[in-house]
C-alpha atoms as a PDB file:
ATOM      1  CA  MET A   1      35.047  79.929 116.441  1.00  0.00           C
ATOM      2  CA  GLN A   2      36.123  82.921 114.356  1.00  0.00           C
ATOM      3  CA  VAL A   3      35.398  83.105 110.616  1.00  0.00           C
ATOM      4  CA  SER A   4      36.585  85.747 108.162  1.00  0.00           C
ATOM      5  CA  PRO A   5      34.096  87.153 105.624  1.00  0.00           C
ATOM      6  CA  PRO A   6      34.622  86.879 101.840  1.00  0.00           C
ATOM      7  CA  LYS A   7      36.794  89.475 100.139  1.00  0.00           C
ATOM      8  CA  GLU A   8      33.911  91.699  99.016  1.00  0.00           C
ATOM      9  CA  LEU A   9      32.673  92.033 102.614  1.00  0.00           C
ATOM     10  CA  ALA A  10      36.095  92.553 104.235  1.00  0.00           C
ATOM     11  CA  PRO A  11      35.951  96.394 103.990  1.00  0.00           C
ATOM     12  CA  TYR A  12      32.802  96.277 106.124  1.00  0.00           C
ATOM     13  CA  ILE A  13      33.083  93.201 108.346  1.00  0.00           C
ATOM     14  CA  LYS A  14      36.161  92.131 110.281  1.00  0.00           C
ATOM     15  CA  HIS A  15      34.957  88.646 111.229  1.00  0.00           C
ATOM     16  CA  TYR A  16      32.116  86.531 112.575  1.00  0.00           C
ATOM     17  CA  LEU A  17      32.335  84.971 116.038  1.00  0.00           C
ATOM     18  CA  PHE A  18      30.413  81.915 117.250  1.00  0.00           C
ATOM     19  CA  LEU A  19      30.332  81.433 121.038  1.00  0.00           C
ATOM     20  CA  ASP A  20      28.603  78.568 122.856  1.00  0.00           C
ATOM     21  CA  ASN A  21      28.556  77.967 126.595  1.00  0.00           C
ATOM     22  CA  GLU A  22      26.402  75.324 128.303  1.00  0.00           C
ATOM     23  CA  GLU A  23      26.798  76.724 131.817  1.00  0.00           C
ATOM     24  CA  THR A  24      23.393  77.369 133.431  1.00  0.00           C
ATOM     25  CA  ALA A  25      24.504  79.351 136.496  1.00  0.00           C
ATOM     26  CA  ILE A  26      24.464  83.155 136.391  1.00  0.00           C
ATOM     27  CA  GLN A  27      27.335  84.357 134.207  1.00  0.00           C
ATOM     28  CA  LYS A  28      28.674  87.875 133.972  1.00  0.00           C
ATOM     29  CA  LEU A  29      30.137  88.869 130.603  1.00  0.00           C
ATOM     30  CA  ARG A  30      32.160  92.051 130.342  1.00  0.00           C
ATOM     31  CA  LEU A  31      32.266  93.716 126.933  1.00  0.00           C
ATOM     32  CA  PHE A  32      34.875  96.402 126.331  1.00  0.00           C
ATOM     33  CA  SER A  33      36.005  98.386 123.317  1.00  0.00           C
ATOM     34  CA  ASP A  34      38.225  96.944 120.608  1.00  0.00           C
ATOM     35  CA  GLY A  35      37.677  99.871 118.219  1.00  0.00           C
ATOM     36  CA  ASN A  36      34.879  98.092 116.363  1.00  0.00           C
ATOM     37  CA  THR A  37      31.113  97.976 116.557  1.00  0.00           C
ATOM     38  CA  GLY A  38      29.101  94.785 116.319  1.00  0.00           C
ATOM     39  CA  VAL A  39      25.798  92.965 116.100  1.00  0.00           C
ATOM     40  CA  VAL A  40      24.990  90.191 118.582  1.00  0.00           C
ATOM     41  CA  PHE A  41      22.466  87.406 117.934  1.00  0.00           C
ATOM     42  CA  SER A  42      21.514  85.443 121.060  1.00  0.00           C
ATOM     43  CA  LEU A  43      20.018  82.242 119.670  1.00  0.00           C
ATOM     44  CA  LYS A  44      19.093  80.238 122.781  1.00  0.00           C
ATOM     45  CA  ASN A  45      18.279  82.614 125.627  1.00  0.00           C
ATOM     46  CA  LYS A  46      18.029  86.356 126.054  1.00  0.00           C
ATOM     47  CA  LEU A  47      20.949  88.126 127.687  1.00  0.00           C
ATOM     48  CA  ILE A  48      20.332  90.438 130.629  1.00  0.00           C
ATOM     49  CA  SER A  49      21.512  94.030 130.882  1.00  0.00           C
ATOM     50  CA  GLY A  50      21.533  94.179 134.673  1.00  0.00           C
ATOM     51  CA  LEU A  51      20.748  92.296 137.883  1.00  0.00           C
ATOM     52  CA  ASP A  52      19.263  93.535 141.152  1.00  0.00           C
ATOM     53  CA  ASN A  53      20.291  91.250 144.028  1.00  0.00           C
ATOM     54  CA  TYR A  54      20.621  88.478 141.430  1.00  0.00           C
ATOM     55  CA  LYS A  55      17.036  89.005 140.297  1.00  0.00           C
ATOM     56  CA  ILE A  56      16.472  89.715 136.622  1.00  0.00           C
ATOM     57  CA  LYS A  57      16.278  93.436 136.031  1.00  0.00           C
ATOM     58  CA  ASN A  58      16.094  93.914 132.290  1.00  0.00           C
ATOM     59  CA  TYR A  59      16.377  91.620 129.293  1.00  0.00           C
ATOM     60  CA  LEU A  60      18.309  92.675 126.219  1.00  0.00           C
ATOM     61  CA  PRO A  61      16.744  92.183 122.771  1.00  0.00           C
ATOM     62  CA  ASP A  62      17.274  88.810 121.079  1.00  0.00           C
ATOM     63  CA  SER A  63      19.615  90.636 118.715  1.00  0.00           C
ATOM     64  CA  PHE A  64      21.216  94.031 119.155  1.00  0.00           C
ATOM     65  CA  LEU A  65      23.834  96.389 117.799  1.00  0.00           C
ATOM     66  CA  TYR A  66      26.491  97.820 120.116  1.00  0.00           C
ATOM     67  CA  GLY A  67      28.324 101.016 119.207  1.00  0.00           C
ATOM     68  CA  GLN A  68      31.780 102.245 120.134  1.00  0.00           C
ATOM     69  CA  LEU A  69      32.198 101.951 123.899  1.00  0.00           C
ATOM     70  CA  ASN A  70      33.636 104.646 126.163  1.00  0.00           C
ATOM     71  CA  GLY A  71      34.424 102.068 128.816  1.00  0.00           C
ATOM     72  CA  PHE A  72      32.908  98.641 129.385  1.00  0.00           C
ATOM     73  CA  LYS A  73      29.442  97.121 129.679  1.00  0.00           C
ATOM     74  CA  ASP A  74      28.428  94.169 131.823  1.00  0.00           C
ATOM     75  CA  ILE A  75      25.799  91.782 130.525  1.00  0.00           C
ATOM     76  CA  TYR A  76      24.527  88.623 132.188  1.00  0.00           C
ATOM     77  CA  SER A  77      23.186  85.217 131.329  1.00  0.00           C
ATOM     78  CA  ASP A  78      21.249  82.895 133.637  1.00  0.00           C
ATOM     79  CA  ASN A  79      21.263  79.980 131.221  1.00  0.00           C
ATOM     80  CA  GLU A  80      23.329  78.415 128.453  1.00  0.00           C
ATOM     81  CA  ILE A  81      24.249  80.759 125.631  1.00  0.00           C
ATOM     82  CA  SER A  82      24.724  80.513 121.897  1.00  0.00           C
ATOM     83  CA  LEU A  83      25.930  83.786 120.422  1.00  0.00           C
ATOM     84  CA  ILE A  84      26.766  84.957 116.924  1.00  0.00           C
ATOM     85  CA  ILE A  85      28.670  88.236 116.838  1.00  0.00           C
ATOM     86  CA  ILE A  86      29.248  90.173 113.618  1.00  0.00           C
ATOM     87  CA  VAL A  87      32.285  92.363 114.280  1.00  0.00           C
ATOM     88  CA  PHE A  88      32.382  95.289 111.864  1.00  0.00           C
ATOM     89  CA  GLN A  89      35.434  97.200 110.719  1.00  0.00           C
ATOM     90  CA  PRO A  90      35.897 100.488 112.668  1.00  0.00           C
ATOM     91  CA  ASN A  91      34.007 102.416 109.969  1.00  0.00           C
ATOM     92  CA  GLY A  92      31.994  99.451 108.673  1.00  0.00           C
ATOM     93  CA  ILE A  93      28.609 100.268 110.177  1.00  0.00           C
ATOM     94  CA  HIS A  94      28.747 103.824 108.813  1.00  0.00           C
ATOM     95  CA  GLN A  95      29.686 102.516 105.365  1.00  0.00           C
ATOM     96  CA  LEU A  96      26.800 100.032 105.423  1.00  0.00           C
ATOM     97  CA  LEU A  97      24.079 102.309 106.733  1.00  0.00           C
ATOM     98  CA  GLY A  98      25.248 105.865 106.131  1.00  0.00           C
ATOM     99  CA  ILE A  99      24.179 106.744 109.695  1.00  0.00           C
ATOM    100  CA  PRO A 100      26.656 108.872 111.704  1.00  0.00           C
ATOM    101  CA  ALA A 101      28.554 106.440 113.931  1.00  0.00           C
ATOM    102  CA  HIS A 102      28.445 108.741 116.953  1.00  0.00           C
ATOM    103  CA  GLU A 103      24.670 108.124 117.134  1.00  0.00           C
ATOM    104  CA  PHE A 104      25.488 104.563 118.254  1.00  0.00           C
ATOM    105  CA  GLN A 105      28.245 105.538 120.706  1.00  0.00           C
ATOM    106  CA  ASP A 106      28.058 103.694 124.040  1.00  0.00           C
ATOM    107  CA  ALA A 107      24.631 102.345 123.077  1.00  0.00           C
ATOM    108  CA  ILE A 108      22.932  98.975 122.729  1.00  0.00           C
ATOM    109  CA  ILE A 109      20.135  99.153 120.136  1.00  0.00           C
ATOM    110  CA  PRO A 110      17.659  96.506 118.882  1.00  0.00           C
ATOM    111  CA  VAL A 111      18.752  95.494 115.384  1.00  0.00           C
ATOM    112  CA  GLU A 112      15.322  96.093 113.877  1.00  0.00           C
ATOM    113  CA  ASP A 113      15.654  99.769 114.820  1.00  0.00           C
ATOM    114  CA  VAL A 114      18.721  99.914 112.570  1.00  0.00           C
ATOM    115  CA  PHE A 115      18.294  97.259 109.881  1.00  0.00           C
ATOM    116  CA  GLY A 116      14.517  96.875 109.867  1.00  0.00           C
ATOM    117  CA  GLN A 117      12.325  93.775 110.265  1.00  0.00           C
ATOM    118  CA  LYS A 118      14.408  91.709 107.838  1.00  0.00           C
ATOM    119  CA  MET A 119      16.760  91.006 110.748  1.00  0.00           C
ATOM    120  CA  ASP A 120      13.986  89.053 112.537  1.00  0.00           C
ATOM    121  CA  LYS A 121      13.772  86.666 109.584  1.00  0.00           C
ATOM    122  CA  LEU A 122      17.557  86.366 109.496  1.00  0.00           C
ATOM    123  CA  GLN A 123      17.691  85.441 113.192  1.00  0.00           C
ATOM    124  CA  GLU A 124      15.017  82.792 112.697  1.00  0.00           C
ATOM    125  CA  LYS A 125      16.985  81.246 109.820  1.00  0.00           C
ATOM    126  CA  LEU A 126      20.266  81.409 111.774  1.00  0.00           C
ATOM    127  CA  SER A 127      18.752  79.414 114.640  1.00  0.00           C
ATOM    128  CA  GLU A 128      17.884  76.591 112.226  1.00  0.00           C
ATOM    129  CA  GLN A 129      21.397  76.184 110.753  1.00  0.00           C
ATOM    130  CA  ASN A 130      24.790  74.858 111.800  1.00  0.00           C
ATOM    131  CA  ASN A 131      27.717  77.291 111.803  1.00  0.00           C
ATOM    132  CA  GLN A 132      28.615  76.621 108.175  1.00  0.00           C
ATOM    133  CA  GLY A 133      25.046  77.403 107.118  1.00  0.00           C
ATOM    134  CA  ARG A 134      25.033  80.486 109.343  1.00  0.00           C
ATOM    135  CA  VAL A 135      28.125  81.873 107.645  1.00  0.00           C
ATOM    136  CA  ALA A 136      26.465  81.424 104.244  1.00  0.00           C
ATOM    137  CA  LEU A 137      23.319  83.213 105.469  1.00  0.00           C
ATOM    138  CA  LEU A 138      25.317  86.120 106.908  1.00  0.00           C
ATOM    139  CA  ASN A 139      27.430  86.473 103.771  1.00  0.00           C
ATOM    140  CA  HIS A 140      24.296  86.552 101.598  1.00  0.00           C
ATOM    141  CA  PHE A 141      22.516  89.059 103.863  1.00  0.00           C
ATOM    142  CA  PHE A 142      25.386  91.554 103.957  1.00  0.00           C
ATOM    143  CA  SER A 143      26.259  91.084 100.275  1.00  0.00           C
ATOM    144  CA  THR A 144      22.671  92.038  99.416  1.00  0.00           C
ATOM    145  CA  LEU A 145      22.920  95.023 101.757  1.00  0.00           C
ATOM    146  CA  ILE A 146      26.093  96.449 100.181  1.00  0.00           C
ATOM    147  CA  ALA A 147      24.758  95.867  96.653  1.00  0.00           C
ATOM    148  CA  ALA A 148      21.890  98.260  97.434  1.00  0.00           C
ATOM    149  CA  LYS A 149      23.965 101.034  99.021  1.00  0.00           C
ATOM    150  CA  PRO A 150      25.593 103.989  97.240  1.00  0.00           C
ATOM    151  CA  ASN A 151      29.378 104.133  97.136  1.00  0.00           C
ATOM    152  CA  SER A 152      30.945 106.447  99.703  1.00  0.00           C
ATOM    153  CA  ASN A 153      34.382 108.029  99.711  1.00  0.00           C
ATOM    154  CA  GLN A 154      36.224 106.709 102.767  1.00  0.00           C
ATOM    155  CA  PHE A 155      39.759 107.629 101.677  1.00  0.00           C
ATOM    156  CA  ILE A 156      40.516 110.001 104.551  1.00  0.00           C
ATOM    157  CA  ILE A 157      39.335 107.443 107.132  1.00  0.00           C
ATOM    158  CA  ASP A 158      41.035 104.462 105.480  1.00  0.00           C
ATOM    159  CA  HIS A 159      44.254 106.477 105.181  1.00  0.00           C
ATOM    160  CA  SER A 160      44.065 107.522 108.834  1.00  0.00           C
ATOM    161  CA  LEU A 161      43.239 104.001 110.056  1.00  0.00           C
ATOM    162  CA  ASP A 162      46.239 102.591 108.184  1.00  0.00           C
ATOM    163  CA  PHE A 163      48.465 105.125 109.967  1.00  0.00           C
ATOM    164  CA  ILE A 164      47.023 104.545 113.446  1.00  0.00           C
ATOM    165  CA  ILE A 165      47.098 100.753 113.187  1.00  0.00           C
ATOM    166  CA  ALA A 166      50.639 100.773 111.725  1.00  0.00           C
ATOM    167  CA  HIS A 167      51.723 102.855 114.743  1.00  0.00           C
ATOM    168  CA  LYS A 168      49.781 100.523 117.076  1.00  0.00           C
ATOM    169  CA  GLY A 169      47.887 103.493 118.497  1.00  0.00           C
ATOM    170  CA  ASP A 170      51.028 105.298 119.660  1.00  0.00           C
ATOM    171  CA  PHE A 171      50.979 108.628 117.780  1.00  0.00           C
ATOM    172  CA  THR A 172      50.236 112.328 118.202  1.00  0.00           C
ATOM    173  CA  LEU A 173      47.503 114.286 116.463  1.00  0.00           C
ATOM    174  CA  LYS A 174      50.200 116.453 114.893  1.00  0.00           C
ATOM    175  CA  GLN A 175      51.731 113.357 113.297  1.00  0.00           C
ATOM    176  CA  LEU A 176      48.321 112.302 111.958  1.00  0.00           C
ATOM    177  CA  VAL A 177      47.668 115.797 110.589  1.00  0.00           C
ATOM    178  CA  ASN A 178      51.060 115.802 108.836  1.00  0.00           C
ATOM    179  CA  TYR A 179      50.475 112.318 107.432  1.00  0.00           C
ATOM    180  CA  THR A 180      46.988 112.938 106.052  1.00  0.00           C
ATOM    181  CA  GLY A 181      47.282 116.615 105.116  1.00  0.00           C
ATOM    182  CA  TYR A 182      43.936 117.349 106.784  1.00  0.00           C
ATOM    183  CA  THR A 183      43.368 119.690 109.723  1.00  0.00           C
ATOM    184  CA  GLU A 184      42.840 118.373 113.237  1.00  0.00           C
ATOM    185  CA  ARG A 185      39.297 119.753 113.232  1.00  0.00           C
ATOM    186  CA  HIS A 186      38.432 118.004 109.964  1.00  0.00           C
ATOM    187  CA  LEU A 187      39.864 114.698 111.194  1.00  0.00           C
ATOM    188  CA  GLU A 188      37.895 114.971 114.450  1.00  0.00           C
ATOM    189  CA  ARG A 189      34.676 115.571 112.509  1.00  0.00           C
ATOM    190  CA  LYS A 190      35.224 112.673 110.086  1.00  0.00           C
ATOM    191  CA  PHE A 191      36.161 110.247 112.864  1.00  0.00           C
ATOM    192  CA  LYS A 192      33.055 111.211 114.844  1.00  0.00           C
ATOM    193  CA  GLU A 193      30.915 110.637 111.753  1.00  0.00           C
ATOM    194  CA  CYS A 194      32.520 107.447 110.446  1.00  0.00           C
ATOM    195  CA  ILE A 195      33.916 105.695 113.539  1.00  0.00           C
ATOM    196  CA  GLY A 196      32.214 107.229 116.565  1.00  0.00           C
ATOM    197  CA  LEU A 197      35.421 107.992 118.488  1.00  0.00           C
ATOM    198  CA  ASN A 198      37.882 110.817 117.956  1.00  0.00           C
ATOM    199  CA  PRO A 199      41.348 109.844 116.614  1.00  0.00           C
ATOM    200  CA  LYS A 200      43.095 109.875 120.003  1.00  0.00           C
ATOM    201  CA  LYS A 201      40.416 107.807 121.763  1.00  0.00           C
ATOM    202  CA  PHE A 202      40.444 105.332 118.905  1.00  0.00           C
ATOM    203  CA  GLY A 203      44.255 105.237 119.072  1.00  0.00           C
ATOM    204  CA  ASN A 204      44.106 104.540 122.812  1.00  0.00           C
ATOM    205  CA  VAL A 205      41.918 101.497 122.140  1.00  0.00           C
ATOM    206  CA  ILE A 206      44.315 100.224 119.463  1.00  0.00           C
ATOM    207  CA  ARG A 207      47.271 100.701 121.833  1.00  0.00           C
ATOM    208  CA  LEU A 208      45.461  98.805 124.584  1.00  0.00           C
ATOM    209  CA  HIS A 209      44.807  95.851 122.288  1.00  0.00           C
ATOM    210  CA  HIS A 210      48.405  95.912 121.096  1.00  0.00           C
ATOM    211  CA  PHE A 211      49.357  95.565 124.760  1.00  0.00           C
ATOM    212  CA  LEU A 212      46.922  92.640 125.126  1.00  0.00           C
ATOM    213  CA  LYS A 213      48.508  90.937 122.111  1.00  0.00           C
ATOM    214  CA  LEU A 214      51.991  91.381 123.614  1.00  0.00           C
ATOM    215  CA  LEU A 215      50.682  90.098 126.948  1.00  0.00           C
ATOM    216  CA  LYS A 216      49.160  87.026 125.320  1.00  0.00           C
ATOM    217  CA  ASN A 217      52.391  86.199 123.485  1.00  0.00           C
ATOM    218  CA  LYS A 218      54.810  87.028 126.302  1.00  0.00           C
ATOM    219  CA  SER A 219      57.458  84.490 127.232  1.00  0.00           C
ATOM    220  CA  ASN A 220      57.524  82.959 130.703  1.00  0.00           C
ATOM    221  CA  ASP A 221      60.314  85.324 131.770  1.00  0.00           C
ATOM    222  CA  GLY A 222      58.652  88.388 130.181  1.00  0.00           C
ATOM    223  CA  ASN A 223      57.579  91.052 132.649  1.00  0.00           C
ATOM    224  CA  LEU A 224      54.734  93.540 132.682  1.00  0.00           C
ATOM    225  CA  THR A 225      57.007  96.586 132.806  1.00  0.00           C
ATOM    226  CA  SER A 226      58.843  95.827 129.575  1.00  0.00           C
ATOM    227  CA  ILE A 227      55.564  94.977 127.787  1.00  0.00           C
ATOM    228  CA  CYS A 228      54.090  98.226 129.093  1.00  0.00           C
ATOM    229  CA  TYR A 229      56.913 100.262 127.472  1.00  0.00           C
ATOM    230  CA  ASP A 230      56.824  98.185 124.279  1.00  0.00           C
ATOM    231  CA  ALA A 231      53.116  99.038 123.909  1.00  0.00           C
ATOM    232  CA  GLY A 232      53.788 102.779 124.160  1.00  0.00           C
ATOM    233  CA  PHE A 233      52.694 103.468 127.751  1.00  0.00           C
ATOM    234  CA  SER A 234      54.851 105.886 129.742  1.00  0.00           C
ATOM    235  CA  ASP A 235      54.902 103.708 132.872  1.00  0.00           C
ATOM    236  CA  GLN A 236      52.908 101.045 134.716  1.00  0.00           C
ATOM    237  CA  SER A 237      50.636 103.522 136.473  1.00  0.00           C
ATOM    238  CA  HIS A 238      49.683 104.982 133.061  1.00  0.00           C
ATOM    239  CA  LEU A 239      48.967 101.468 131.764  1.00  0.00           C
ATOM    240  CA  ILE A 240      46.913 100.429 134.788  1.00  0.00           C
ATOM    241  CA  LYS A 241      44.849 103.639 134.678  1.00  0.00           C
ATOM    242  CA  GLU A 242      44.050 103.194 130.962  1.00  0.00           C
ATOM    243  CA  PHE A 243      43.445  99.465 131.338  1.00  0.00           C
ATOM    244  CA  LYS A 244      40.990  99.876 134.220  1.00  0.00           C
ATOM    245  CA  LYS A 245      39.188 102.686 132.405  1.00  0.00           C
ATOM    246  CA  HIS A 246      38.523 100.391 129.449  1.00  0.00           C
ATOM    247  CA  THR A 247      38.037  97.026 131.187  1.00  0.00           C
ATOM    248  CA  GLY A 248      37.276  97.710 134.863  1.00  0.00           C
ATOM    249  CA  ILE A 249      40.085  95.374 135.969  1.00  0.00           C
ATOM    250  CA  THR A 250      43.882  95.497 136.192  1.00  0.00           C
ATOM    251  CA  PRO A 251      46.236  93.885 133.656  1.00  0.00           C
ATOM    252  CA  LYS A 252      47.201  91.213 136.209  1.00  0.00           C
ATOM    253  CA  GLU A 253      43.547  90.371 136.856  1.00  0.00           C
ATOM    254  CA  TYR A 254      43.034  90.066 133.104  1.00  0.00           C
ATOM    255  CA  LEU A 255      46.132  87.894 132.744  1.00  0.00           C
ATOM    256  CA  LEU A 256      44.959  85.526 135.487  1.00  0.00           C
ATOM    257  CA  SER A 257      41.393  85.375 134.179  1.00  0.00           C
ATOM    258  CA  SER A 258      40.329  82.023 132.746  1.00  0.00           C
ATOM    259  CA  GLY A 259      37.211  83.482 131.165  1.00  0.00           C
ATOM    260  CA  LYS A 260      38.594  85.184 128.045  1.00  0.00           C
ATOM    261  CA  LEU A 261      36.002  84.495 125.336  1.00  0.00           C
ATOM    262  CA  THR A 262      37.184  86.953 122.664  1.00  0.00           C
ATOM    263  CA  ASN A 263      39.563  89.925 122.418  1.00  0.00           C
ATOM    264  CA  ASN A 264      37.018  92.201 124.094  1.00  0.00           C
ATOM    265  CA  LEU A 265      34.656  89.858 125.917  1.00  0.00           C
ATOM    266  CA  ILE A 266      35.555  88.184 129.200  1.00  0.00           C
ATOM    267  CA  LYS A 267      33.561  86.055 131.618  1.00  0.00           C
ATOM    268  CA  THR A 268      34.057  87.454 135.114  1.00  0.00           C
ATOM    269  CA  SER A 269      32.906  86.696 138.618  1.00  0.00           C
ATOM    270  CA  PRO A 270      29.415  88.141 139.325  1.00  0.00           C
ATOM    271  CA  ALA A 271      31.062  89.986 142.232  1.00  0.00           C
ATOM    272  CA  LEU A 272      33.321  92.014 139.923  1.00  0.00           C
END
């Protein structure tokens, strides 16, 4: 289930996701970039960061923040799962905390290291509520957080994000420079600080997810080649290379997968 936040939280939070799976066999979940960071609460059982010959190697914290991803991360579960995922806007975590976003890049961090011990109390309350009650708790928690933070000027980032998303990630740095009026160096610095990825890497992620949207909505007679060009890739080999870099699988493998949980989280075979 996906739930949008109230209007006052929308500049910071994209949506909340609630995922439940009662499967008790070992599951492999592949998380890849969608241009956003997030916080994951695992309410029933701890997730696992890696397996060694199917033996537990390392548990993840009950709740953790993941930053912008350079590629993909595999996490595992050996029991039923109940997850709440807060998906932030691309610059949302920087706006909320004022911490440079690149410090979280490609990292998984216990939430108390970022938000403090108040997150432990929030997790405890979340586990006692149904989804409607959980949404109310999350809205209250983040509303209190933004009320206590100083206002920050995000115009250059908001302006740039509007441009990149409108162009579905298919743009040149020169076009972005001309649109914003800022130098390439300044844009690179602000993106690193506020988003955690440089403009081109962020654009590549947006383009990939535009392709996934086209793939999802394709007609029965639609073919991969035409969708590839429509999404701004030069040819299929370019698409496959970018797709595998971000997800670890090919577009056809993704298309045939029955384990799509969210836009950037898929359940895969443990052998993958």
